[in-house]
Protein backbone atom coordinates (compact mmCIF):
# COMPACT_ATOMS: atom_id res chain seq x y z
CA MET A 1 -0.16 0.03 0.12
CA ALA A 2 1.38 3.48 -0.73
CA VAL A 3 0.04 5.62 2.22
CA TYR A 4 2.26 7.67 4.14
CA GLN A 5 1.66 10.46 6.44
CA HIS A 6 2.66 14.22 4.77
CA ILE A 7 3.93 16.03 7.43
CA GLU A 8 3.63 20.05 7.06
CA LYS A 9 5.03 22.63 9.81
CA TYR A 10 3.38 25.92 10.22
CA THR A 11 3.22 28.71 12.72
CA ASP A 12 -0.18 29.58 14.75
CA GLU A 13 -1.81 32.66 15.11
CA ASN A 14 0.13 32.45 18.58
CA GLU A 15 3.60 32.73 16.40
CA VAL A 16 3.71 28.87 17.82
CA ALA A 17 5.54 26.54 15.43
CA ARG A 18 3.57 23.49 15.60
CA THR A 19 3.69 20.11 12.95
CA LYS A 20 0.14 18.85 11.46
CA LYS A 21 0.41 15.54 10.29
CA THR A 22 -2.20 13.71 7.68
CA TRP A 23 -2.45 10.62 6.18
CA ARG A 24 -2.88 10.19 2.69
CA TYR A 25 -2.18 7.91 -0.44
CA ARG A 26 -0.75 8.13 -3.64
CA LYS A 27 -0.26 5.26 -6.29
CA GLN A 28 -0.06 4.50 -9.99
CA PHE A 29 -0.48 1.37 -11.66
CA ARG A 30 -2.15 0.30 -15.13
CA VAL A 31 -5.57 -1.08 -16.17
CA ASP A 32 -5.62 -2.50 -19.66
CA GLY A 33 -2.84 -0.55 -20.52
CA ARG A 34 -3.80 2.43 -19.45
CA LEU A 35 -1.48 4.60 -17.04
CA VAL A 36 -3.82 5.41 -13.82
CA LYS A 37 -2.40 7.80 -11.22
CA ILE A 38 -4.75 7.96 -7.72
CA SER A 39 -3.67 9.90 -5.29
CA GLY A 40 -6.20 11.40 -1.83
CA THR A 41 -7.13 12.54 1.49
CA PRO A 42 -9.21 10.23 3.57
CA ARG A 43 -11.72 11.83 5.69
CA VAL A 44 -10.81 10.51 8.83
CA ASN A 45 -7.24 11.22 9.55
CA THR A 46 -6.31 7.58 10.60
CA ARG A 47 -3.71 4.95 8.40
CA ALA A 48 -6.74 2.79 8.31
CA ALA A 49 -8.73 5.05 6.88
CA ALA A 50 -6.02 5.82 4.22
CA GLU A 51 -5.53 2.43 3.11
CA ALA A 52 -9.45 1.56 2.88
CA ALA A 53 -9.33 5.29 0.99
CA GLU A 54 -6.54 3.69 -1.61
CA ARG A 55 -8.67 0.24 -2.18
CA LYS A 56 -11.63 2.07 -2.93
CA ALA A 57 -10.01 4.01 -5.22
CA ILE A 58 -8.01 1.33 -6.87
CA ALA A 59 -11.52 -0.41 -7.32
CA ASP A 60 -13.04 2.33 -9.17
CA ALA A 61 -9.96 2.58 -11.64
CA GLU A 62 -9.88 -1.20 -12.26
CA LYS A 63 -14.36 -1.34 -12.26
CA PRO A 64 -15.16 -1.53 -16.46
CA PRO A 65 -17.11 1.38 -18.06
CA ASP A 66 -20.65 1.36 -17.94
CA PRO A 67 -22.01 0.59 -21.38
CA ALA A 68 -25.30 3.18 -20.32
CA ILE A 69 -22.76 5.77 -19.79
CA PRO A 70 -21.34 7.65 -23.25
CA LYS A 71 -18.02 7.86 -23.66
CA PRO A 72 -16.77 11.77 -24.32
CA LYS A 73 -15.65 12.51 -28.02
CA GLU A 74 -12.31 12.62 -28.78
CA VAL A 75 -12.57 15.71 -30.70
CA PRO A 76 -9.56 16.57 -32.98
CA THR A 77 -8.26 19.89 -33.55
CA PHE A 78 -8.76 21.93 -36.58
CA ALA A 79 -5.69 21.28 -38.33
CA GLU A 80 -6.06 17.58 -38.08
CA PHE A 81 -9.33 17.70 -38.99
CA ALA A 82 -8.69 19.99 -41.80
CA THR A 83 -6.35 17.36 -43.30
CA THR A 84 -9.26 14.90 -43.50
CA PHE A 85 -11.76 17.19 -45.05
CA MET A 86 -8.75 18.24 -48.02
CA ALA A 87 -8.41 14.18 -48.14
CA THR A 88 -12.18 13.45 -48.26
CA TYR A 89 -14.12 16.40 -49.00
CA ALA A 90 -12.58 18.71 -51.36
CA THR A 91 -10.45 15.71 -53.05
CA THR A 92 -14.29 14.54 -53.95
CA ASN A 93 -16.27 17.60 -54.50
CA ASN A 94 -13.97 20.30 -55.80
CA LYS A 95 -11.93 21.03 -58.86
CA PRO A 96 -8.13 21.24 -58.73
CA SER A 97 -8.16 24.80 -58.52
CA GLU A 98 -10.93 25.01 -55.90
CA GLN A 99 -8.59 22.29 -54.11
CA THR A 100 -5.66 24.57 -54.49
CA ALA A 101 -7.39 27.68 -53.05
CA LYS A 102 -8.70 25.77 -50.04
CA GLU A 103 -4.74 24.77 -49.25
CA SER A 104 -3.34 28.55 -49.79
CA ILE A 105 -6.03 29.63 -47.73
CA LEU A 106 -5.55 27.03 -44.59
CA ARG A 107 -1.92 27.76 -44.90
CA HIS A 108 -1.70 31.35 -44.97
CA HIS A 109 -4.60 32.16 -43.10
CA LEU A 110 -6.92 29.48 -40.82
CA LEU A 111 -4.01 27.48 -39.68
CA PRO A 112 -1.94 29.88 -38.09
CA ALA A 113 -5.05 31.00 -36.29
CA LEU A 114 -6.99 27.92 -35.17
CA GLY A 115 -4.75 24.86 -35.89
CA ALA A 116 -4.55 23.72 -32.68
CA LYS A 117 -7.99 24.31 -31.40
CA PRO A 118 -9.89 21.34 -30.80
CA LEU A 119 -13.14 21.92 -32.82
CA ASP A 120 -15.37 22.49 -30.41
CA GLN A 121 -13.68 25.14 -28.79
CA ILE A 122 -14.00 27.01 -32.20
CA MET A 123 -16.23 29.84 -30.91
CA GLY A 124 -17.79 33.05 -32.43
CA VAL A 125 -15.26 35.50 -30.78
CA ASP A 126 -12.41 33.40 -32.32
CA VAL A 127 -14.01 33.99 -35.75
CA GLU A 128 -14.50 37.77 -34.83
CA SER A 129 -10.71 37.87 -33.93
CA LEU A 130 -9.63 35.93 -37.13
CA LYS A 131 -11.63 38.95 -39.19
CA ALA A 132 -10.52 41.35 -37.42
CA LYS A 133 -6.34 40.28 -37.67
CA LEU A 134 -7.40 40.12 -41.94
CA LEU A 135 -8.46 43.23 -41.85
CA ARG A 136 -6.28 44.81 -39.58
CA THR A 137 -3.54 47.38 -41.50
CA ASP A 138 -0.36 48.80 -39.68
CA GLU A 139 2.89 49.69 -41.14
CA LYS A 140 3.99 46.07 -40.76
CA GLN A 141 0.99 44.17 -42.32
CA GLU A 142 -1.45 45.55 -45.00
CA GLY A 143 -4.78 44.28 -44.69
CA VAL A 144 -6.15 41.89 -47.02
CA SER A 145 -9.35 43.18 -49.09
CA ARG A 146 -13.13 42.20 -47.75
CA LYS A 147 -13.83 40.10 -50.46
CA ARG A 148 -10.74 37.58 -49.59
CA VAL A 149 -11.92 37.61 -45.43
CA ASN A 150 -15.45 36.13 -46.85
CA ASN A 151 -13.42 33.69 -49.21
CA VAL A 152 -11.49 32.95 -46.03
CA LEU A 153 -14.75 32.68 -43.70
CA HIS A 154 -16.42 30.72 -46.59
CA VAL A 155 -13.68 27.43 -45.72
CA LEU A 156 -13.90 27.89 -42.57
CA SER A 157 -17.46 27.52 -42.78
CA LYS A 158 -17.31 24.25 -45.27
CA ILE A 159 -15.14 22.59 -43.11
CA LEU A 160 -17.10 23.46 -39.32
CA LYS A 161 -20.31 22.43 -41.29
CA TYR A 162 -18.58 19.37 -42.47
CA ALA A 163 -17.40 18.63 -39.23
CA LEU A 164 -21.08 18.78 -38.10
CA ASP A 165 -22.12 16.73 -40.58
CA VAL A 166 -20.11 13.82 -39.86
CA GLY A 167 -20.99 13.61 -35.91
CA MET A 168 -17.56 15.16 -35.28
CA VAL A 169 -19.08 18.29 -33.37
CA ASP A 170 -22.56 18.60 -31.82
CA ARG A 171 -22.61 22.46 -32.40
CA ILE A 172 -20.46 25.18 -34.52
CA ALA A 173 -20.11 28.48 -34.17
CA ARG A 174 -22.09 31.09 -36.29
CA ILE A 175 -20.09 32.81 -39.18
CA LYS A 176 -21.18 35.94 -40.81
CA THR A 177 -19.27 37.19 -43.49
CA LEU A 178 -18.77 40.81 -44.60
CA LYS A 179 -20.69 43.13 -46.73
CA VAL A 180 -18.51 43.94 -49.98
CA ASP A 181 -19.32 46.74 -52.61
CA PRO A 182 -20.43 45.65 -56.08
CA GLN A 183 -17.51 43.77 -57.79
CA LYS A 184 -16.36 46.09 -61.00
CA PHE A 185 -15.12 44.78 -63.80
CA ASP A 186 -13.68 46.24 -66.69
CA PHE A 187 -14.73 45.36 -70.46
CA PHE A 188 -13.95 46.65 -74.19
CA THR A 189 -16.38 49.21 -75.72
CA PHE A 190 -17.16 48.17 -79.34
CA GLU A 191 -14.96 50.48 -80.99
CA GLU A 192 -12.44 48.55 -78.91
CA PHE A 193 -13.36 44.82 -79.41
CA GLU A 194 -13.56 45.78 -83.24
CA ALA A 195 -10.12 47.07 -83.44
CA LEU A 196 -8.56 44.00 -81.23
CA VAL A 197 -10.39 41.53 -83.50
CA ALA A 198 -8.82 43.58 -86.31
CA ALA A 199 -5.48 43.66 -84.99
CA SER A 200 -5.19 40.16 -84.49
CA SER A 201 -6.05 38.85 -88.01
CA ALA A 202 -2.09 38.85 -88.27
CA GLU A 203 -2.73 35.82 -86.86
CA PRO A 204 -5.42 33.97 -87.68
CA GLN A 205 -5.18 31.25 -84.83
CA TRP A 206 -4.99 34.38 -82.41
CA GLN A 207 -8.04 36.41 -84.11
CA ALA A 208 -10.02 32.66 -83.71
CA ALA A 209 -9.56 32.47 -80.06
CA VAL A 210 -10.25 36.32 -79.29
CA LEU A 211 -13.31 35.86 -80.84
CA THR A 212 -14.48 32.52 -79.23
CA ALA A 213 -14.10 34.71 -76.06
CA GLY A 214 -15.51 37.32 -77.74
CA GLU A 215 -18.18 36.33 -78.80
CA ALA A 216 -18.58 32.83 -77.25
CA GLY A 217 -17.88 33.58 -73.89
CA LEU A 218 -15.37 30.97 -73.20
CA ARG A 219 -13.20 31.48 -69.85
CA LEU A 220 -9.50 30.77 -70.46
CA GLY A 221 -9.51 27.22 -69.29
CA GLU A 222 -12.54 26.07 -71.20
CA LEU A 223 -10.93 27.78 -74.46
CA LEU A 224 -7.39 25.50 -73.38
CA ALA A 225 -9.61 22.41 -73.14
CA LEU A 226 -11.44 22.98 -76.79
CA ARG A 227 -11.90 20.06 -79.32
CA TRP A 228 -12.39 19.66 -82.78
CA GLU A 229 -15.32 17.72 -81.64
CA ASP A 230 -16.56 20.09 -79.71
CA VAL A 231 -17.09 22.29 -83.02
CA ASP A 232 -20.15 21.53 -84.96
CA LEU A 233 -19.35 23.86 -87.78
CA ALA A 234 -21.88 22.09 -90.07
CA ARG A 235 -24.88 23.86 -87.55
CA GLY A 236 -22.36 26.90 -86.40
CA GLN A 237 -22.67 25.97 -82.71
CA LEU A 238 -19.76 24.73 -79.98
CA ARG A 239 -20.17 22.81 -77.25
CA VAL A 240 -18.46 24.10 -73.83
CA MET A 241 -17.40 20.46 -72.19
CA ARG A 242 -14.47 20.69 -70.09
CA THR A 243 -11.97 23.33 -68.80
CA ASP A 244 -8.30 22.89 -68.24
CA TRP A 245 -6.52 24.08 -64.98
CA ARG A 246 -2.74 23.82 -65.43
CA GLY A 247 -2.90 20.98 -67.50
CA LYS A 248 -5.94 18.81 -65.29
CA VAL A 249 -8.93 18.71 -67.53
CA GLY A 250 -12.29 18.59 -65.94
CA SER A 251 -16.12 19.62 -66.26
CA PRO A 252 -16.69 23.30 -66.81
CA LYS A 253 -17.64 25.58 -63.98
CA GLY A 254 -20.72 24.89 -61.89
CA GLY A 255 -20.09 21.39 -63.81
CA LYS A 256 -22.40 21.60 -66.54
CA ASP A 257 -21.83 21.91 -70.48
CA ARG A 258 -23.07 24.34 -72.61
CA ILE A 259 -24.21 24.97 -76.01
CA VAL A 260 -23.20 28.56 -77.93
CA PRO A 261 -24.16 29.39 -81.22
CA LEU A 262 -21.16 30.79 -83.37
CA THR A 263 -21.35 34.04 -84.94
CA SER A 264 -20.71 34.69 -88.65
CA ARG A 265 -17.53 35.49 -88.52
CA LEU A 266 -16.72 33.21 -85.62
CA ARG A 267 -17.23 30.24 -87.69
CA ALA A 268 -15.35 31.48 -90.49
CA ALA A 269 -12.41 32.42 -88.17
CA LEU A 270 -12.63 28.90 -86.89
CA THR A 271 -12.99 27.22 -90.75
CA GLY A 272 -10.13 28.76 -91.42
CA ILE A 273 -8.00 27.44 -88.92
CA ARG A 274 -9.19 23.95 -89.04
CA HIS A 275 -6.24 22.19 -88.83
CA LEU A 276 -5.12 17.95 -87.92
CA ARG A 277 -2.50 18.46 -85.69
CA GLY A 278 -4.49 17.30 -82.65
CA SER A 279 -7.63 17.17 -81.05
CA LEU A 280 -7.18 20.74 -79.21
CA VAL A 281 -8.02 23.48 -81.47
CA PHE A 282 -5.66 26.14 -80.08
CA CYS A 283 -2.50 24.43 -79.99
CA TRP A 284 1.35 24.44 -81.30
CA GLU A 285 2.26 23.45 -84.78
CA ASP A 286 3.06 19.69 -83.15
CA GLY A 287 -0.15 19.34 -81.96
CA ARG A 288 0.89 20.08 -78.29
CA ARG A 289 -1.18 22.15 -75.66
CA TRP A 290 -1.15 26.09 -74.89
CA THR A 291 -0.56 26.92 -71.28
CA ASN A 292 -1.77 29.97 -69.30
CA THR A 293 1.74 31.57 -69.92
CA THR A 294 1.11 31.45 -74.02
CA MET A 295 -2.57 32.39 -73.49
CA ARG A 296 -1.25 35.26 -71.47
CA ALA A 297 1.16 36.50 -73.72
CA GLY A 298 -0.52 36.38 -77.22
CA ILE A 299 -3.37 38.74 -75.44
CA LYS A 300 -0.84 41.37 -74.49
CA ARG A 301 0.49 40.98 -77.90
CA GLN A 302 -3.02 41.42 -79.65
CA GLU A 303 -3.99 44.53 -77.38
CA LYS A 304 -1.20 46.41 -77.82
CA ARG A 305 -0.79 46.15 -81.69
CA ALA A 306 -4.22 47.43 -81.15
CA GLY A 307 -3.54 50.05 -79.45
CA LEU A 308 -5.60 49.02 -76.42
CA ARG A 309 -4.49 48.94 -72.56
CA VAL A 310 -3.09 45.15 -71.40
CA THR A 311 -5.66 43.29 -70.01
CA GLY A 312 -6.09 39.53 -70.24
CA TRP A 313 -8.69 37.23 -71.31
CA HIS A 314 -11.21 37.07 -68.83
CA VAL A 315 -12.29 40.74 -69.85
CA LEU A 316 -13.14 39.51 -73.23
CA ARG A 317 -15.84 37.21 -71.25
CA HIS A 318 -16.80 40.53 -69.69
CA THR A 319 -17.11 41.92 -72.94
CA PHE A 320 -19.00 38.95 -74.45
CA CYS A 321 -21.69 39.61 -71.10
CA SER A 322 -21.59 43.25 -71.34
CA HIS A 323 -21.88 43.89 -75.55
CA LEU A 324 -25.16 40.89 -75.08
CA ALA A 325 -26.81 42.95 -72.22
CA MET A 326 -26.38 46.51 -73.91
CA ARG A 327 -27.90 45.02 -77.34
CA GLY A 328 -31.08 43.67 -75.24
CA ALA A 329 -30.40 40.20 -74.54
CA ALA A 330 -33.04 38.70 -71.68
CA ALA A 331 -31.09 37.73 -68.17
CA LYS A 332 -31.66 34.06 -68.88
CA ALA A 333 -30.03 33.74 -72.43
CA VAL A 334 -27.16 35.48 -71.22
CA GLN A 335 -26.97 33.25 -67.64
CA ASP A 336 -27.01 29.84 -70.58
CA LEU A 337 -24.59 31.38 -73.08
CA ALA A 338 -22.34 32.25 -70.43
CA GLY A 339 -23.04 28.67 -67.72
CA HIS A 340 -23.44 31.51 -65.29
CA GLN A 341 -24.69 29.56 -62.04
CA SER A 342 -26.71 31.94 -60.92
CA ILE A 343 -28.79 34.68 -62.29
CA ALA A 344 -27.10 37.09 -59.32
CA VAL A 345 -24.10 37.19 -61.36
CA THR A 346 -25.68 37.72 -64.56
CA ASN A 347 -27.25 40.42 -62.91
CA ARG A 348 -24.33 41.91 -62.94
CA TYR A 349 -24.19 43.24 -66.29
CA MET A 350 -27.62 43.95 -66.70
CA HIS A 351 -27.72 47.45 -65.62
CA ARG A 352 -26.23 48.11 -69.13
CA ALA A 353 -29.13 47.37 -71.18
CA PRO A 354 -31.06 51.15 -70.99
CA SER A 355 -33.08 49.31 -73.77
CA ALA A 356 -34.40 46.85 -71.66
CA LEU A 357 -35.52 49.61 -68.75
CA ARG A 358 -37.16 52.05 -71.73
CA ALA A 359 -38.99 48.73 -72.86
CA ALA A 360 -39.81 47.89 -68.82
CA ILE A 361 -41.36 51.83 -68.46
CA ASP A 362 -43.06 51.30 -72.06
CA LEU A 363 -45.64 48.89 -70.23
CA LEU A 364 -46.67 52.02 -68.51
CA GLU A 365 -48.42 53.32 -71.17
CA PRO A 366 -50.92 51.62 -72.78
CA LEU A 367 -52.31 51.68 -68.70
CA GLN A 368 -52.01 55.26 -68.63
CA ALA A 369 -54.01 56.06 -72.42
CA SER A 370 -56.54 53.55 -71.19
CA CYS A 371 -57.11 55.42 -68.11
CA LYS A 372 -57.18 58.62 -70.03
CA ASP A 373 -59.99 56.77 -72.83
CA ALA A 374 -61.83 55.55 -68.99
CA ARG A 375 -62.37 59.30 -67.87
CA LYS A 376 -63.50 60.94 -71.23
CA SER A 377 -65.97 58.49 -71.66
CA ALA A 378 -67.13 59.33 -68.26
């Protein structure tokens, strides 16, 4: 028995030196391979009472667990679960570009701030502290944009909701995103786009690429992945079925393919560059794929030749959507042609359609006229 007397020396209020002896027990032993430590003081200060208390503590420790009492959950840290999230949910549900974006947000923002915290201990105050830290601007660190903060919060929310779905935690913190001003985007005017098309005629394949982006609305990755089997020159249409991200080919954004009719000059441009070098529409002479670097250099060359500002391929996609809206296309048609997942994205372009606003106001004219006629007849 590991029973002993604890001797404590002290001075009482009369400054008399005294000694206090207390019987205690302390012991460590293994139960099913697990190290157990017990210690304590009996209620009655005797050796026999200490030995009895020790025997009871040992018996309690060796008692098998009650199956009716649920075991406490072993909750991993945020860093541990983030690894599981990326290996399971992200791998299954996200495209390579989305996985890379999540990994970057985890590495630069979430793991430094929350990595060591158990999942069930991430509270609202931790989320608000993270927001404040990201937005902070001082001499040593420049704060990130509100849109970037929302991207970080979106990844955090996804991970916590996944933990809740798989039963790792019973509740999660509520996450509120920041208000962000409407996104501004650049696009070419009708005159600028025509200048770009004319200037790129010196390189027919690049002119076809410019027209495919500006008159069919393909994204950069969709241009890189476009195959001749996707282009139906006889019917005058193309089908967007895949996208290329750093050489990895998958389904387009939103996971849905779409059909886009060809304008007459886009149809002519694609017919003019029809080749047998390989399956890709836009490629090198030996059939090798163009890369993002190739594309950036190509559009920069065409823009400089046209005397325009240097932008990028996504400006041509914005141009496609903006020109459709300015010419009076319906929002639903723009959404389907551009492959927008949400009509809210399409609506960013619709304010550029003054004809649509005029048409809406004109709907009131017959009503006003009928009211006047009714008053005259009365």
